[in-house]
N, C-alpha and C. Protein backbone atom coordinates (compact mmCIF):
# COMPACT_ATOMS: atom_id res chain seq x y z
N MET A 1 0.81 -0.84 -0.24
CA MET A 1 -0.12 -0.04 -0.28
C MET A 1 0.93 1.08 -0.23
N TYR A 2 1.80 1.40 0.85
CA TYR A 2 2.60 2.21 0.83
C TYR A 2 3.32 2.84 -0.46
N GLN A 3 3.87 1.54 -1.56
CA GLN A 3 4.51 2.27 -2.62
C GLN A 3 2.98 2.26 -3.20
N ARG A 4 2.01 2.12 -3.28
CA ARG A 4 0.92 2.81 -4.53
C ARG A 4 0.57 4.25 -4.12
N ASN A 5 0.27 4.16 -2.82
CA ASN A 5 0.37 5.54 -2.43
C ASN A 5 1.56 6.72 -2.54
N LEU A 6 2.51 6.29 -2.45
CA LEU A 6 3.56 7.15 -2.86
C LEU A 6 3.43 7.26 -4.08
N SER A 7 3.57 6.49 -5.02
CA SER A 7 3.49 6.30 -6.34
C SER A 7 2.21 7.29 -7.05
N THR A 8 1.28 7.14 -6.20
CA THR A 8 0.06 7.67 -6.69
C THR A 8 0.16 9.28 -6.57
N ALA A 9 0.96 9.83 -5.43
CA ALA A 9 0.84 10.77 -5.37
C ALA A 9 2.38 11.91 -5.98
N ILE A 10 3.32 10.79 -6.45
CA ILE A 10 4.07 11.61 -7.08
C ILE A 10 3.57 11.76 -8.56
N ASP A 11 2.81 10.85 -9.11
CA ASP A 11 2.18 10.94 -10.25
C ASP A 11 1.50 12.31 -10.66
N GLY A 12 0.82 12.75 -9.23
CA GLY A 12 0.23 14.18 -9.03
C GLY A 12 0.85 15.32 -9.43
N TYR A 13 1.94 15.13 -9.12
CA TYR A 13 2.84 16.33 -9.00
C TYR A 13 3.50 16.41 -10.48
N LEU A 14 3.63 14.93 -11.63
CA LEU A 14 4.30 14.83 -12.63
C LEU A 14 3.69 15.73 -13.40
N SER A 15 2.33 16.02 -13.61
CA SER A 15 1.73 16.75 -14.72
C SER A 15 2.15 18.10 -14.92
N GLU A 16 2.59 18.91 -13.63
CA GLU A 16 3.46 20.15 -13.63
C GLU A 16 4.49 20.07 -14.25
N LEU A 17 5.49 19.01 -14.90
CA LEU A 17 7.27 19.16 -14.70
C LEU A 17 7.15 19.08 -16.71
N THR A 18 8.24 19.45 -16.98
CA THR A 18 8.65 19.03 -18.39
C THR A 18 8.84 17.75 -18.74
N GLN A 19 8.93 17.55 -20.11
CA GLN A 19 9.16 15.65 -20.21
C GLN A 19 10.57 15.27 -19.57
N GLU A 20 11.63 15.98 -19.62
CA GLU A 20 12.84 15.82 -19.18
C GLU A 20 12.86 15.81 -17.72
N ASP A 21 12.18 16.68 -17.00
CA ASP A 21 12.17 16.79 -15.19
C ASP A 21 11.01 15.06 -15.11
N LYS A 22 10.29 15.13 -16.01
CA LYS A 22 9.41 14.06 -15.41
C LYS A 22 10.23 12.46 -15.63
N ARG A 23 10.93 12.36 -16.32
CA ARG A 23 12.18 11.31 -16.47
C ARG A 23 12.76 11.43 -15.29
N LYS A 24 13.38 12.50 -15.08
CA LYS A 24 14.64 12.60 -13.67
C LYS A 24 13.47 12.53 -12.24
N VAL A 25 12.50 12.90 -12.38
CA VAL A 25 11.70 12.62 -11.09
C VAL A 25 11.61 10.95 -11.17
N ILE A 26 11.05 10.45 -12.28
CA ILE A 26 10.51 9.01 -12.04
C ILE A 26 11.84 8.29 -11.75
N GLN A 27 12.81 8.49 -12.39
CA GLN A 27 14.01 7.82 -12.11
C GLN A 27 14.95 7.82 -10.81
N LEU A 28 14.57 9.06 -10.35
CA LEU A 28 15.10 9.27 -9.12
C LEU A 28 13.89 8.72 -7.82
N ALA A 29 12.69 8.62 -8.11
CA ALA A 29 11.98 7.84 -7.45
C ALA A 29 11.50 6.22 -7.24
N ARG A 30 12.13 5.59 -8.67
CA ARG A 30 12.11 4.31 -8.62
C ARG A 30 13.68 4.09 -7.51
N ALA A 31 14.61 5.07 -7.97
CA ALA A 31 15.67 4.16 -7.12
C ALA A 31 15.73 4.57 -5.76
N GLU A 32 15.11 5.54 -5.30
CA GLU A 32 14.99 6.11 -3.80
C GLU A 32 14.01 5.13 -3.06
N PHE A 33 13.11 5.42 -3.50
CA PHE A 33 11.54 5.37 -3.17
C PHE A 33 10.47 3.98 -3.61
N ASP A 34 11.22 3.35 -4.75
CA ASP A 34 10.44 1.81 -4.89
C ASP A 34 9.13 2.55 -6.19
N TYR A 35 9.10 3.48 -7.03
CA TYR A 35 8.31 4.39 -7.18
C TYR A 35 7.59 3.22 -8.41
N ILE A 36 6.59 3.00 -8.57
CA ILE A 36 5.67 2.15 -10.18
C ILE A 36 4.85 2.93 -10.43
N SER A 37 4.84 2.96 -11.39
CA SER A 37 3.96 3.50 -12.53
C SER A 37 2.59 3.03 -12.61
N PRO A 38 1.45 3.71 -12.60
CA PRO A 38 0.00 3.37 -13.13
C PRO A 38 -0.28 1.84 -13.94
N GLU A 39 0.78 1.84 -14.43
CA GLU A 39 0.29 0.36 -15.02
C GLU A 39 0.85 -0.43 -14.66
N GLU A 40 1.93 0.12 -13.62
CA GLU A 40 2.51 -1.66 -12.53
C GLU A 40 1.57 -1.63 -12.16
N ILE A 41 1.07 -0.33 -11.34
CA ILE A 41 0.36 -0.58 -10.00
C ILE A 41 -1.28 -1.48 -10.43
N THR A 42 -1.25 -1.23 -11.48
CA THR A 42 -2.60 -1.96 -11.94
C THR A 42 -2.36 -3.80 -11.96
N GLU A 43 -1.02 -3.81 -12.59
CA GLU A 43 -0.95 -4.88 -12.65
C GLU A 43 -0.17 -6.41 -11.57
N ALA A 44 0.09 -4.93 -10.76
CA ALA A 44 0.17 -5.85 -8.96
C ALA A 44 -1.24 -5.96 -8.42
N ILE A 45 -2.18 -5.74 -8.80
CA ILE A 45 -3.53 -5.36 -8.42
C ILE A 45 -3.88 -6.34 -9.08
N ARG A 46 -3.41 -6.97 -10.31
CA ARG A 46 -4.66 -8.00 -11.00
C ARG A 46 -4.00 -9.54 -10.46
N GLN A 47 -2.27 -9.11 -10.52
CA GLN A 47 -1.93 -10.18 -9.67
C GLN A 47 -1.98 -10.40 -7.99
N ASN A 48 -2.21 -9.93 -7.59
CA ASN A 48 -2.90 -9.72 -5.97
C ASN A 48 -4.18 -10.74 -5.99
N GLN A 49 -4.86 -9.96 -7.15
CA GLN A 49 -6.60 -10.80 -7.28
C GLN A 49 -6.27 -12.49 -7.50
N GLU A 50 -5.48 -12.68 -8.47
CA GLU A 50 -5.11 -14.09 -9.02
C GLU A 50 -4.60 -14.68 -7.87
N ASP A 51 -3.86 -14.33 -7.05
CA ASP A 51 -3.26 -14.96 -6.16
C ASP A 51 -3.93 -15.06 -4.76
N GLY A 52 -5.23 -14.64 -5.13
CA GLY A 52 -6.26 -14.70 -3.62
C GLY A 52 -5.70 -13.64 -3.01
N TYR A 53 -5.01 -12.48 -2.67
CA TYR A 53 -5.02 -11.45 -1.92
C TYR A 53 -6.15 -10.69 -2.18
N CYS A 54 -6.44 -9.53 -0.98
CA CYS A 54 -7.45 -8.67 -1.13
C CYS A 54 -6.62 -7.13 -2.34
N SER A 55 -7.35 -6.35 -2.56
CA SER A 55 -6.52 -5.16 -3.00
C SER A 55 -5.83 -4.78 -2.40
N HIS A 56 -5.25 -4.55 -1.31
CA HIS A 56 -4.27 -4.11 -0.22
C HIS A 56 -3.32 -5.19 -0.23
N GLY A 57 -3.16 -6.34 -1.01
CA GLY A 57 -2.18 -7.44 -1.01
C GLY A 57 -1.77 -8.09 0.43
N LEU A 58 -2.94 -8.09 0.85
CA LEU A 58 -3.09 -8.90 2.18
C LEU A 58 -4.14 -10.17 1.74
N ASP A 59 -3.54 -11.07 2.59
CA ASP A 59 -4.77 -12.35 2.96
C ASP A 59 -6.05 -11.55 3.40
N PRO A 60 -7.35 -11.64 2.58
CA PRO A 60 -8.02 -11.03 2.96
C PRO A 60 -8.86 -11.29 4.27
N ASN A 61 -8.57 -12.36 5.22
CA ASN A 61 -8.65 -12.80 6.27
C ASN A 61 -7.77 -11.80 7.51
N CYS A 62 -6.62 -11.45 7.22
CA CYS A 62 -5.86 -10.82 8.21
C CYS A 62 -6.06 -9.14 7.46
N CYS A 63 -6.92 -8.60 6.46
CA CYS A 63 -6.43 -7.17 6.48
C CYS A 63 -7.21 -6.50 7.45
N PRO A 64 -6.50 -5.23 7.64
CA PRO A 64 -7.04 -4.43 8.76
C PRO A 64 -7.99 -3.51 8.47
N LEU A 65 -8.36 -3.54 7.22
CA LEU A 65 -9.20 -2.71 6.77
C LEU A 65 -10.63 -3.12 6.26
N GLY A 66 -10.72 -4.61 7.27
CA GLY A 66 -12.07 -5.69 6.63
C GLY A 66 -12.58 -5.60 5.13
N CYS A 67 -11.33 -6.06 4.27
CA CYS A 67 -11.33 -6.99 3.30
C CYS A 67 -12.49 -8.24 3.27
N GLY A 68 -11.91 -8.87 4.23
CA GLY A 68 -12.05 -10.52 4.63
C GLY A 68 -13.97 -10.06 5.02
N ASP A 69 -13.90 -9.14 5.30
CA ASP A 69 -15.67 -8.69 6.04
C ASP A 69 -16.48 -8.61 4.53
N ILE A 70 -16.11 -8.49 3.78
CA ILE A 70 -17.05 -8.35 2.63
C ILE A 70 -18.01 -9.26 2.11
């Protein structure tokens, strides 16, 4: 969840940057903060679903956000 939330927050700032600056920010964010692109987030969610995990990447019965109760 941290990785997704941080990456989404970074994406929010990218629209204000030039293409060159976007590339630099993404490169730094990948190296320092494990940034993943929106496409990678979508793929991770899909893979989690296939593996039986909730949308937060946890066993649904252990998710503190109540995914096992749905």
